[in-house]
């Protein structure tokens, strides 16, 4: 099965974009994993599928699969690449563009400076909706909000458990954000997988490691569900700034320094206020690739 694709990146978070507006590809989880494989496939953190609008009040549907083949709810860096793709490929001339994602609708707009601004919707703090199971856990008050102490145990019981305190919220997908002294030396590779798979998160979680530089700047590293550490994470940047605001550490507009580049997050601070993400989105190359295996039937 041969498919056409476009490779894109936003602040180093890289994607394979597939145009399914004319016909569905019906790819399997194995085929998504093959596309994301950096040795045998194209290589990407996530696969983005552009699909026809499922309702008259939106322009497209935007479906995201992680490098492990699993579908996820949201991706801010991918959303910026999405709007750059559909406008660059002539699929729409609208600006802004409204697209349906798994958990709702988001609005994307190209800016005069070439960056893309995304209305990411309001954060979710209701723990069952994150989802986060707080049974047996006790929060600690901090800065007018709260953090949750989690015990991280090595697989197979190797070594003693360590404790971390995380702020918990959803930006369309679940996030656990901890404040660290130095992002560059934070134990992302060690703690990230343990936080991701902690039993308190029934759908797993993205683990953020945030260093506060001042009230308008942070450094951030994120271990993403199903992808590992990425050079940038759009929803992770939003979650970190929202957490920092609620903990009393940050102002309304914050520059997020990720390893792959600069993202700007704005949040007025109200529970119903939308979070806005602005950052780069670039096309790397176009190509075709032969996928192994047969497509799967699309559920109706």
C-alpha atoms as a PDB file:
ATOM      1  CA  UNK A   1       0.000   0.000   0.000  1.00  0.00           C
ATOM      2  CA  UNK A   2       1.614   3.245  -1.160  1.00  0.00           C
ATOM      3  CA  UNK A   3       0.637   6.522   0.527  1.00  0.00           C
ATOM      4  CA  UNK A   4       1.643  10.119   0.032  1.00  0.00           C
ATOM      5  CA  UNK A   5       2.688  12.112   3.075  1.00  0.00           C
ATOM      6  CA  UNK A   6       4.144  15.415   4.199  1.00  0.00           C
ATOM      7  CA  UNK A   7       6.780  15.638   6.928  1.00  0.00           C
ATOM      8  CA  UNK A   8       6.347  18.732   9.133  1.00  0.00           C
ATOM      9  CA  UNK A   9       7.697  20.059  12.416  1.00  0.00           C
ATOM     10  CA  UNK A  10       6.709  22.617  15.021  1.00  0.00           C
ATOM     11  CA  UNK A  11       9.494  23.631  17.409  1.00  0.00           C
ATOM     12  CA  UNK A  12      11.172  20.286  16.747  1.00  0.00           C
ATOM     13  CA  UNK A  13       8.046  18.225  17.479  1.00  0.00           C
ATOM     14  CA  UNK A  14       7.822  16.317  14.181  1.00  0.00           C
ATOM     15  CA  UNK A  15       4.872  14.835  12.327  1.00  0.00           C
ATOM     16  CA  UNK A  16       3.821  12.811   9.315  1.00  0.00           C
ATOM     17  CA  UNK A  17       0.701  14.432   7.825  1.00  0.00           C
ATOM     18  CA  UNK A  18      -1.750  12.340   5.776  1.00  0.00           C
ATOM     19  CA  UNK A  19      -4.492  13.764   3.529  1.00  0.00           C
ATOM     20  CA  UNK A  20      -7.638  11.656   3.959  1.00  0.00           C
ATOM     21  CA  UNK A  21     -10.070  14.267   2.665  1.00  0.00           C
ATOM     22  CA  UNK A  22     -10.739  12.370  -0.603  1.00  0.00           C
ATOM     23  CA  UNK A  23     -10.819   8.841   0.836  1.00  0.00           C
ATOM     24  CA  UNK A  24      -9.979   7.140   4.148  1.00  0.00           C
ATOM     25  CA  UNK A  25      -6.704   5.247   4.398  1.00  0.00           C
ATOM     26  CA  UNK A  26      -7.954   2.986   7.216  1.00  0.00           C
ATOM     27  CA  UNK A  27      -4.451   2.388   8.559  1.00  0.00           C
ATOM     28  CA  UNK A  28      -3.732  -0.132  11.285  1.00  0.00           C
ATOM     29  CA  UNK A  29      -1.840   0.559  14.499  1.00  0.00           C
ATOM     30  CA  UNK A  30       1.110  -1.360  13.019  1.00  0.00           C
ATOM     31  CA  UNK A  31       1.116   0.910   9.974  1.00  0.00           C
ATOM     32  CA  UNK A  32       1.080   4.046  12.137  1.00  0.00           C
ATOM     33  CA  UNK A  33       4.012   2.627  14.085  1.00  0.00           C
ATOM     34  CA  UNK A  34       5.843   1.908  10.827  1.00  0.00           C
ATOM     35  CA  UNK A  35       5.359   5.479   9.595  1.00  0.00           C
ATOM     36  CA  UNK A  36       6.696   6.838  12.906  1.00  0.00           C
ATOM     37  CA  UNK A  37       9.709   4.502  13.004  1.00  0.00           C
ATOM     38  CA  UNK A  38      12.903   6.529  12.517  1.00  0.00           C
ATOM     39  CA  UNK A  39      14.867   3.583  11.086  1.00  0.00           C
ATOM     40  CA  UNK A  40      12.409   1.805   8.793  1.00  0.00           C
ATOM     41  CA  UNK A  41       9.683   4.410   8.180  1.00  0.00           C
ATOM     42  CA  UNK A  42       9.535   8.185   7.824  1.00  0.00           C
ATOM     43  CA  UNK A  43      10.124   9.025  11.481  1.00  0.00           C
ATOM     44  CA  UNK A  44       7.813  11.160  13.614  1.00  0.00           C
ATOM     45  CA  UNK A  45       6.551  11.833  17.104  1.00  0.00           C
ATOM     46  CA  UNK A  46       2.972  11.627  15.830  1.00  0.00           C
ATOM     47  CA  UNK A  47       0.888  10.954  12.712  1.00  0.00           C
ATOM     48  CA  UNK A  48      -1.699  13.615  11.801  1.00  0.00           C
ATOM     49  CA  UNK A  49      -4.666  12.722   9.599  1.00  0.00           C
ATOM     50  CA  UNK A  50      -6.647  15.430   7.770  1.00  0.00           C
ATOM     51  CA  UNK A  51     -10.230  14.219   7.326  1.00  0.00           C
ATOM     52  CA  UNK A  52     -13.434  15.791   5.967  1.00  0.00           C
ATOM     53  CA  UNK A  53     -15.594  17.958   8.206  1.00  0.00           C
ATOM     54  CA  UNK A  54     -17.990  15.778  10.213  1.00  0.00           C
ATOM     55  CA  UNK A  55     -20.373  18.703  10.875  1.00  0.00           C
ATOM     56  CA  UNK A  56     -21.309  21.969   9.138  1.00  0.00           C
ATOM     57  CA  UNK A  57     -19.781  24.211  11.829  1.00  0.00           C
ATOM     58  CA  UNK A  58     -16.210  22.912  11.327  1.00  0.00           C
ATOM     59  CA  UNK A  59     -13.833  22.821   8.358  1.00  0.00           C
ATOM     60  CA  UNK A  60     -12.005  19.515   8.977  1.00  0.00           C
ATOM     61  CA  UNK A  61     -11.543  16.660  11.382  1.00  0.00           C
ATOM     62  CA  UNK A  62      -8.036  16.296  12.857  1.00  0.00           C
ATOM     63  CA  UNK A  63      -7.027  12.828  14.095  1.00  0.00           C
ATOM     64  CA  UNK A  64      -3.756  12.145  15.935  1.00  0.00           C
ATOM     65  CA  UNK A  65      -1.873   8.890  16.442  1.00  0.00           C
ATOM     66  CA  UNK A  66       1.214   8.600  18.633  1.00  0.00           C
ATOM     67  CA  UNK A  67       4.380   6.846  17.574  1.00  0.00           C
ATOM     68  CA  UNK A  68       3.162   3.727  19.400  1.00  0.00           C
ATOM     69  CA  UNK A  69       0.112   3.553  17.121  1.00  0.00           C
ATOM     70  CA  UNK A  70      -2.445   4.665  19.709  1.00  0.00           C
ATOM     71  CA  UNK A  71      -4.910   7.486  19.043  1.00  0.00           C
ATOM     72  CA  UNK A  72      -4.681  10.515  21.344  1.00  0.00           C
ATOM     73  CA  UNK A  73      -6.902  13.479  22.031  1.00  0.00           C
ATOM     74  CA  UNK A  74      -4.891  16.597  21.253  1.00  0.00           C
ATOM     75  CA  UNK A  75      -1.563  17.997  20.060  1.00  0.00           C
ATOM     76  CA  UNK A  76      -0.871  21.722  20.005  1.00  0.00           C
ATOM     77  CA  UNK A  77       2.280  21.631  17.872  1.00  0.00           C
ATOM     78  CA  UNK A  78       0.510  19.302  15.483  1.00  0.00           C
ATOM     79  CA  UNK A  79      -2.447  21.676  15.298  1.00  0.00           C
ATOM     80  CA  UNK A  80      -0.176  24.439  14.026  1.00  0.00           C
ATOM     81  CA  UNK A  81       1.245  22.104  11.379  1.00  0.00           C
ATOM     82  CA  UNK A  82      -2.302  21.056  10.518  1.00  0.00           C
ATOM     83  CA  UNK A  83      -3.458  24.571   9.628  1.00  0.00           C
ATOM     84  CA  UNK A  84      -0.255  25.330   7.719  1.00  0.00           C
ATOM     85  CA  UNK A  85      -0.786  22.093   5.758  1.00  0.00           C
ATOM     86  CA  UNK A  86      -4.450  22.560   4.803  1.00  0.00           C
ATOM     87  CA  UNK A  87      -3.866  26.149   3.709  1.00  0.00           C
ATOM     88  CA  UNK A  88      -0.581  25.385   1.933  1.00  0.00           C
ATOM     89  CA  UNK A  89      -2.093  22.435   0.055  1.00  0.00           C
ATOM     90  CA  UNK A  90      -5.065  24.490  -1.091  1.00  0.00           C
ATOM     91  CA  UNK A  91      -7.597  22.473   0.923  1.00  0.00           C
ATOM     92  CA  UNK A  92      -8.988  25.716   2.350  1.00  0.00           C
ATOM     93  CA  UNK A  93      -8.403  29.459   2.111  1.00  0.00           C
ATOM     94  CA  UNK A  94     -10.077  30.160   5.444  1.00  0.00           C
ATOM     95  CA  UNK A  95      -8.192  31.808   8.262  1.00  0.00           C
ATOM     96  CA  UNK A  96      -8.937  30.990  11.037  1.00  0.00           C
ATOM     97  CA  UNK A  97      -9.779  27.324  10.500  1.00  0.00           C
ATOM     98  CA  UNK A  98     -12.081  25.358  12.817  1.00  0.00           C
ATOM     99  CA  UNK A  99     -11.300  21.660  13.256  1.00  0.00           C
ATOM    100  CA  UNK A 100     -12.809  18.835  15.252  1.00  0.00           C
ATOM    101  CA  UNK A 101     -10.449  16.905  17.514  1.00  0.00           C
ATOM    102  CA  UNK A 102     -11.303  13.914  19.673  1.00  0.00           C
ATOM    103  CA  UNK A 103     -12.508  15.952  22.652  1.00  0.00           C
ATOM    104  CA  UNK A 104     -14.027  19.001  20.967  1.00  0.00           C
ATOM    105  CA  UNK A 105     -13.353  21.805  18.475  1.00  0.00           C
ATOM    106  CA  UNK A 106     -10.307  24.068  18.227  1.00  0.00           C
ATOM    107  CA  UNK A 107      -9.635  27.189  16.148  1.00  0.00           C
ATOM    108  CA  UNK A 108      -6.335  27.784  14.337  1.00  0.00           C
ATOM    109  CA  UNK A 109      -5.057  30.981  12.689  1.00  0.00           C
ATOM    110  CA  UNK A 110      -1.909  31.852  10.735  1.00  0.00           C
ATOM    111  CA  UNK A 111      -0.311  35.094  11.930  1.00  0.00           C
ATOM    112  CA  UNK A 112       1.359  37.808   9.778  1.00  0.00           C
ATOM    113  CA  UNK A 113       4.772  36.870  11.267  1.00  0.00           C
ATOM    114  CA  UNK A 114       4.441  33.318   9.938  1.00  0.00           C
ATOM    115  CA  UNK A 115       3.679  31.737  13.306  1.00  0.00           C
ATOM    116  CA  UNK A 116       0.375  30.030  14.038  1.00  0.00           C
ATOM    117  CA  UNK A 117      -1.953  30.834  16.939  1.00  0.00           C
ATOM    118  CA  UNK A 118      -4.204  28.103  18.274  1.00  0.00           C
ATOM    119  CA  UNK A 119      -7.203  28.449  20.564  1.00  0.00           C
ATOM    120  CA  UNK A 120      -6.628  25.334  22.651  1.00  0.00           C
ATOM    121  CA  UNK A 121      -9.842  25.635  24.653  1.00  0.00           C
ATOM    122  CA  UNK A 122     -10.187  25.924  28.410  1.00  0.00           C
ATOM    123  CA  UNK A 123      -8.159  23.709  30.752  1.00  0.00           C
ATOM    124  CA  UNK A 124      -9.925  20.925  32.631  1.00  0.00           C
ATOM    125  CA  UNK A 125      -9.394  20.662  36.393  1.00  0.00           C
ATOM    126  CA  UNK A 126     -12.156  18.185  37.240  1.00  0.00           C
ATOM    127  CA  UNK A 127     -10.112  15.125  38.215  1.00  0.00           C
ATOM    128  CA  UNK A 128     -12.414  12.397  36.808  1.00  0.00           C
ATOM    129  CA  UNK A 129     -12.390  14.195  33.441  1.00  0.00           C
ATOM    130  CA  UNK A 130      -8.575  14.431  33.297  1.00  0.00           C
ATOM    131  CA  UNK A 131      -8.792  11.449  34.126  1.00  0.00           C
ATOM    132  CA  UNK A 132      -7.021  11.150  37.488  1.00  0.00           C
ATOM    133  CA  UNK A 133      -7.874   8.672  40.241  1.00  0.00           C
ATOM    134  CA  UNK A 134      -7.071  10.353  43.545  1.00  0.00           C
ATOM    135  CA  UNK A 135      -8.154   7.419  45.745  1.00  0.00           C
ATOM    136  CA  UNK A 136      -5.632   6.932  48.561  1.00  0.00           C
ATOM    137  CA  UNK A 137      -3.764  10.161  47.678  1.00  0.00           C
ATOM    138  CA  UNK A 138      -3.689  13.412  49.663  1.00  0.00           C
ATOM    139  CA  UNK A 139      -3.051  16.749  47.926  1.00  0.00           C
ATOM    140  CA  UNK A 140      -0.755  19.424  49.297  1.00  0.00           C
ATOM    141  CA  UNK A 141      -1.806  23.071  49.216  1.00  0.00           C
ATOM    142  CA  UNK A 142       0.591  25.210  47.201  1.00  0.00           C
ATOM    143  CA  UNK A 143       0.265  28.800  45.965  1.00  0.00           C
ATOM    144  CA  UNK A 144      -3.514  28.846  46.245  1.00  0.00           C
ATOM    145  CA  UNK A 145      -3.894  25.547  44.385  1.00  0.00           C
ATOM    146  CA  UNK A 146      -2.664  22.014  45.061  1.00  0.00           C
ATOM    147  CA  UNK A 147      -0.146  19.406  43.984  1.00  0.00           C
ATOM    148  CA  UNK A 148      -0.382  15.645  44.315  1.00  0.00           C
ATOM    149  CA  UNK A 149       2.475  13.596  45.820  1.00  0.00           C
ATOM    150  CA  UNK A 150       3.057  10.407  43.813  1.00  0.00           C
ATOM    151  CA  UNK A 151       5.290   7.489  44.704  1.00  0.00           C
ATOM    152  CA  UNK A 152       7.280   6.319  41.686  1.00  0.00           C
ATOM    153  CA  UNK A 153       8.358   2.705  41.914  1.00  0.00           C
ATOM    154  CA  UNK A 154      10.854   1.147  39.529  1.00  0.00           C
ATOM    155  CA  UNK A 155       9.582  -1.712  37.387  1.00  0.00           C
ATOM    156  CA  UNK A 156      10.017  -5.049  39.119  1.00  0.00           C
ATOM    157  CA  UNK A 157      10.563  -3.338  42.445  1.00  0.00           C
ATOM    158  CA  UNK A 158      14.164  -2.373  41.642  1.00  0.00           C
ATOM    159  CA  UNK A 159      15.362   0.277  44.084  1.00  0.00           C
ATOM    160  CA  UNK A 160      13.451   2.439  46.530  1.00  0.00           C
ATOM    161  CA  UNK A 161      10.432   4.455  45.435  1.00  0.00           C
ATOM    162  CA  UNK A 162      10.912   8.203  45.033  1.00  0.00           C
ATOM    163  CA  UNK A 163       8.261  10.870  45.627  1.00  0.00           C
ATOM    164  CA  UNK A 164       7.339  13.650  43.210  1.00  0.00           C
ATOM    165  CA  UNK A 165       4.660  16.327  43.500  1.00  0.00           C
ATOM    166  CA  UNK A 166       2.667  17.083  40.356  1.00  0.00           C
ATOM    167  CA  UNK A 167      -0.038  19.515  39.330  1.00  0.00           C
ATOM    168  CA  UNK A 168      -2.778  17.643  37.478  1.00  0.00           C
ATOM    169  CA  UNK A 169      -4.988  18.955  34.673  1.00  0.00           C
ATOM    170  CA  UNK A 170      -6.111  18.256  31.124  1.00  0.00           C
ATOM    171  CA  UNK A 171      -5.577  20.296  27.990  1.00  0.00           C
ATOM    172  CA  UNK A 172      -7.708  17.883  25.978  1.00  0.00           C
ATOM    173  CA  UNK A 173      -5.216  15.224  27.084  1.00  0.00           C
ATOM    174  CA  UNK A 174      -3.934  14.530  30.612  1.00  0.00           C
ATOM    175  CA  UNK A 175      -0.865  16.260  32.072  1.00  0.00           C
ATOM    176  CA  UNK A 176       1.136  15.977  35.283  1.00  0.00           C
ATOM    177  CA  UNK A 177       3.439  18.987  35.752  1.00  0.00           C
ATOM    178  CA  UNK A 178       6.194  19.237  38.316  1.00  0.00           C
ATOM    179  CA  UNK A 179       8.393  22.235  39.097  1.00  0.00           C
ATOM    180  CA  UNK A 180      12.112  21.447  38.910  1.00  0.00           C
ATOM    181  CA  UNK A 181      15.216  23.462  39.748  1.00  0.00           C
ATOM    182  CA  UNK A 182      16.915  22.816  36.389  1.00  0.00           C
ATOM    183  CA  UNK A 183      15.090  21.505  33.333  1.00  0.00           C
ATOM    184  CA  UNK A 184      18.325  20.543  31.584  1.00  0.00           C
ATOM    185  CA  UNK A 185      19.292  18.095  34.327  1.00  0.00           C
ATOM    186  CA  UNK A 186      15.799  16.931  35.315  1.00  0.00           C
ATOM    187  CA  UNK A 187      15.408  13.105  35.395  1.00  0.00           C
ATOM    188  CA  UNK A 188      13.022  13.056  32.429  1.00  0.00           C
ATOM    189  CA  UNK A 189      14.120   9.681  31.046  1.00  0.00           C
ATOM    190  CA  UNK A 190      13.956   8.055  34.480  1.00  0.00           C
ATOM    191  CA  UNK A 191      10.797   9.588  35.952  1.00  0.00           C
ATOM    192  CA  UNK A 192       8.872  10.241  32.731  1.00  0.00           C
ATOM    193  CA  UNK A 193       7.889   6.608  32.028  1.00  0.00           C
ATOM    194  CA  UNK A 194       7.008   6.029  35.699  1.00  0.00           C
ATOM    195  CA  UNK A 195       4.713   9.068  35.810  1.00  0.00           C
ATOM    196  CA  UNK A 196       3.212   8.183  32.408  1.00  0.00           C
ATOM    197  CA  UNK A 197       2.152   4.747  33.625  1.00  0.00           C
ATOM    198  CA  UNK A 198       1.331   5.602  37.243  1.00  0.00           C
ATOM    199  CA  UNK A 199      -1.896   3.813  38.274  1.00  0.00           C
ATOM    200  CA  UNK A 200      -3.512   7.136  39.242  1.00  0.00           C
ATOM    201  CA  UNK A 201      -3.745   7.918  35.504  1.00  0.00           C
ATOM    202  CA  UNK A 202      -6.005   5.293  33.894  1.00  0.00           C
ATOM    203  CA  UNK A 203      -5.281   6.574  30.366  1.00  0.00           C
ATOM    204  CA  UNK A 204      -1.642   7.315  31.110  1.00  0.00           C
ATOM    205  CA  UNK A 205      -0.368  10.902  31.251  1.00  0.00           C
ATOM    206  CA  UNK A 206       2.107  13.375  29.759  1.00  0.00           C
ATOM    207  CA  UNK A 207       4.796  14.286  32.301  1.00  0.00           C
ATOM    208  CA  UNK A 208       6.065  17.884  32.311  1.00  0.00           C
ATOM    209  CA  UNK A 209       9.267  19.132  33.971  1.00  0.00           C
ATOM    210  CA  UNK A 210       9.044  22.918  34.356  1.00  0.00           C
ATOM    211  CA  UNK A 211      11.804  25.311  35.428  1.00  0.00           C
ATOM    212  CA  UNK A 212      10.531  28.820  36.225  1.00  0.00           C
ATOM    213  CA  UNK A 213      13.031  31.446  34.994  1.00  0.00           C
ATOM    214  CA  UNK A 214      10.861  34.414  35.934  1.00  0.00           C
ATOM    215  CA  UNK A 215       7.146  35.234  35.842  1.00  0.00           C
ATOM    216  CA  UNK A 216       7.156  35.438  32.032  1.00  0.00           C
ATOM    217  CA  UNK A 217       9.573  32.675  31.057  1.00  0.00           C
ATOM    218  CA  UNK A 218       9.962  28.957  31.719  1.00  0.00           C
ATOM    219  CA  UNK A 219      12.073  26.105  30.440  1.00  0.00           C
ATOM    220  CA  UNK A 220      10.145  22.916  29.789  1.00  0.00           C
ATOM    221  CA  UNK A 221      10.777  19.281  28.942  1.00  0.00           C
ATOM    222  CA  UNK A 222       7.923  16.829  28.412  1.00  0.00           C
ATOM    223  CA  UNK A 223       7.759  13.056  28.370  1.00  0.00           C
ATOM    224  CA  UNK A 224       4.794  12.330  26.099  1.00  0.00           C
ATOM    225  CA  UNK A 225       2.497   9.319  26.276  1.00  0.00           C
ATOM    226  CA  UNK A 226       3.437   6.811  23.627  1.00  0.00           C
ATOM    227  CA  UNK A 227       6.277   8.915  22.223  1.00  0.00           C
ATOM    228  CA  UNK A 228       8.849   9.479  24.974  1.00  0.00           C
ATOM    229  CA  UNK A 229      10.580  12.820  25.361  1.00  0.00           C
ATOM    230  CA  UNK A 230       9.932  15.162  22.445  1.00  0.00           C
ATOM    231  CA  UNK A 231      11.696  18.405  21.523  1.00  0.00           C
ATOM    232  CA  UNK A 232       8.495  20.320  22.258  1.00  0.00           C
ATOM    233  CA  UNK A 233       4.923  19.584  23.340  1.00  0.00           C
ATOM    234  CA  UNK A 234       2.193  22.131  22.642  1.00  0.00           C
ATOM    235  CA  UNK A 235      -0.396  20.858  25.090  1.00  0.00           C
ATOM    236  CA  UNK A 236       2.424  20.300  27.576  1.00  0.00           C
ATOM    237  CA  UNK A 237       3.455  23.949  27.271  1.00  0.00           C
ATOM    238  CA  UNK A 238      -0.149  25.021  27.832  1.00  0.00           C
ATOM    239  CA  UNK A 239      -0.508  22.720  30.834  1.00  0.00           C
ATOM    240  CA  UNK A 240       2.746  23.951  32.362  1.00  0.00           C
ATOM    241  CA  UNK A 241       1.751  27.609  32.091  1.00  0.00           C
ATOM    242  CA  UNK A 242      -1.743  26.951  33.442  1.00  0.00           C
ATOM    243  CA  UNK A 243      -0.239  25.037  36.366  1.00  0.00           C
ATOM    244  CA  UNK A 244       2.319  27.782  36.963  1.00  0.00           C
ATOM    245  CA  UNK A 245      -0.407  30.420  36.934  1.00  0.00           C
ATOM    246  CA  UNK A 246      -2.555  28.509  39.417  1.00  0.00           C
ATOM    247  CA  UNK A 247       0.438  27.914  41.663  1.00  0.00           C
ATOM    248  CA  UNK A 248       1.084  31.675  41.701  1.00  0.00           C
ATOM    249  CA  UNK A 249       4.380  31.499  39.795  1.00  0.00           C
ATOM    250  CA  UNK A 250       3.584  32.959  36.362  1.00  0.00           C
ATOM    251  CA  UNK A 251       1.911  35.884  34.612  1.00  0.00           C
ATOM    252  CA  UNK A 252      -0.764  35.819  31.913  1.00  0.00           C
ATOM    253  CA  UNK A 253       1.616  35.654  28.928  1.00  0.00           C
ATOM    254  CA  UNK A 254       4.596  33.306  29.147  1.00  0.00           C
ATOM    255  CA  UNK A 255       7.381  32.330  26.744  1.00  0.00           C
ATOM    256  CA  UNK A 256       8.102  28.610  26.943  1.00  0.00           C
ATOM    257  CA  UNK A 257      11.643  27.592  26.004  1.00  0.00           C
ATOM    258  CA  UNK A 258      11.476  24.005  24.762  1.00  0.00           C
ATOM    259  CA  UNK A 259      14.464  22.128  23.410  1.00  0.00           C
ATOM    260  CA  UNK A 260      13.103  22.523  19.884  1.00  0.00           C
ATOM    261  CA  UNK A 261      12.211  26.210  20.006  1.00  0.00           C
ATOM    262  CA  UNK A 262      10.072  28.945  21.514  1.00  0.00           C
ATOM    263  CA  UNK A 263       6.330  28.732  22.197  1.00  0.00           C
ATOM    264  CA  UNK A 264       4.177  31.517  23.629  1.00  0.00           C
ATOM    265  CA  UNK A 265       1.232  30.704  25.884  1.00  0.00           C
ATOM    266  CA  UNK A 266      -1.518  33.095  27.019  1.00  0.00           C
ATOM    267  CA  UNK A 267      -4.148  32.324  29.662  1.00  0.00           C
ATOM    268  CA  UNK A 268      -6.232  34.917  31.502  1.00  0.00           C
ATOM    269  CA  UNK A 269      -6.595  32.607  34.498  1.00  0.00           C
ATOM    270  CA  UNK A 270     -10.298  31.799  34.666  1.00  0.00           C
ATOM    271  CA  UNK A 271     -11.490  28.214  34.585  1.00  0.00           C
ATOM    272  CA  UNK A 272     -13.566  28.954  31.478  1.00  0.00           C
ATOM    273  CA  UNK A 273     -10.890  31.058  29.765  1.00  0.00           C
ATOM    274  CA  UNK A 274      -9.328  29.533  26.665  1.00  0.00           C
ATOM    275  CA  UNK A 275      -5.581  28.943  26.484  1.00  0.00           C
ATOM    276  CA  UNK A 276      -3.834  30.345  23.392  1.00  0.00           C
ATOM    277  CA  UNK A 277      -0.698  28.756  21.937  1.00  0.00           C
ATOM    278  CA  UNK A 278       1.498  30.538  19.371  1.00  0.00           C
ATOM    279  CA  UNK A 279       4.522  29.006  17.684  1.00  0.00           C
ATOM    280  CA  UNK A 280       6.189  27.945  14.424  1.00  0.00           C
ATOM    281  CA  UNK A 281       5.069  25.307  11.918  1.00  0.00           C
ATOM    282  CA  UNK A 282       7.188  24.279   8.950  1.00  0.00           C
ATOM    283  CA  UNK A 283       7.077  21.791   6.101  1.00  0.00           C
ATOM    284  CA  UNK A 284      10.192  19.613   5.900  1.00  0.00           C
ATOM    285  CA  UNK A 285       9.512  17.520   2.785  1.00  0.00           C
ATOM    286  CA  UNK A 286       6.877  15.621   0.796  1.00  0.00           C
ATOM    287  CA  UNK A 287       7.152  11.980  -0.187  1.00  0.00           C
ATOM    288  CA  UNK A 288       5.599   8.586  -0.812  1.00  0.00           C
ATOM    289  CA  UNK A 289       6.122   5.370   1.107  1.00  0.00           C
ATOM    290  CA  UNK A 290       5.043   1.737   0.784  1.00  0.00           C
ATOM    291  CA  UNK A 291       3.314   0.530   3.946  1.00  0.00           C
ATOM    292  CA  UNK A 292       3.396  -3.137   4.949  1.00  0.00           C
ATOM    293  CA  UNK A 293       0.153  -4.974   5.646  1.00  0.00           C
ATOM    294  CA  UNK A 294      -3.443  -4.393   4.692  1.00  0.00           C
ATOM    295  CA  UNK A 295      -5.638  -1.484   5.852  1.00  0.00           C
ATOM    296  CA  UNK A 296      -8.254  -2.085   8.518  1.00  0.00           C
ATOM    297  CA  UNK A 297     -11.986  -1.490   7.949  1.00  0.00           C
ATOM    298  CA  UNK A 298     -13.150   1.828   9.405  1.00  0.00           C
ATOM    299  CA  UNK A 299     -15.780   1.424  12.121  1.00  0.00           C
ATOM    300  CA  UNK A 300     -19.125   2.999  11.240  1.00  0.00           C
END
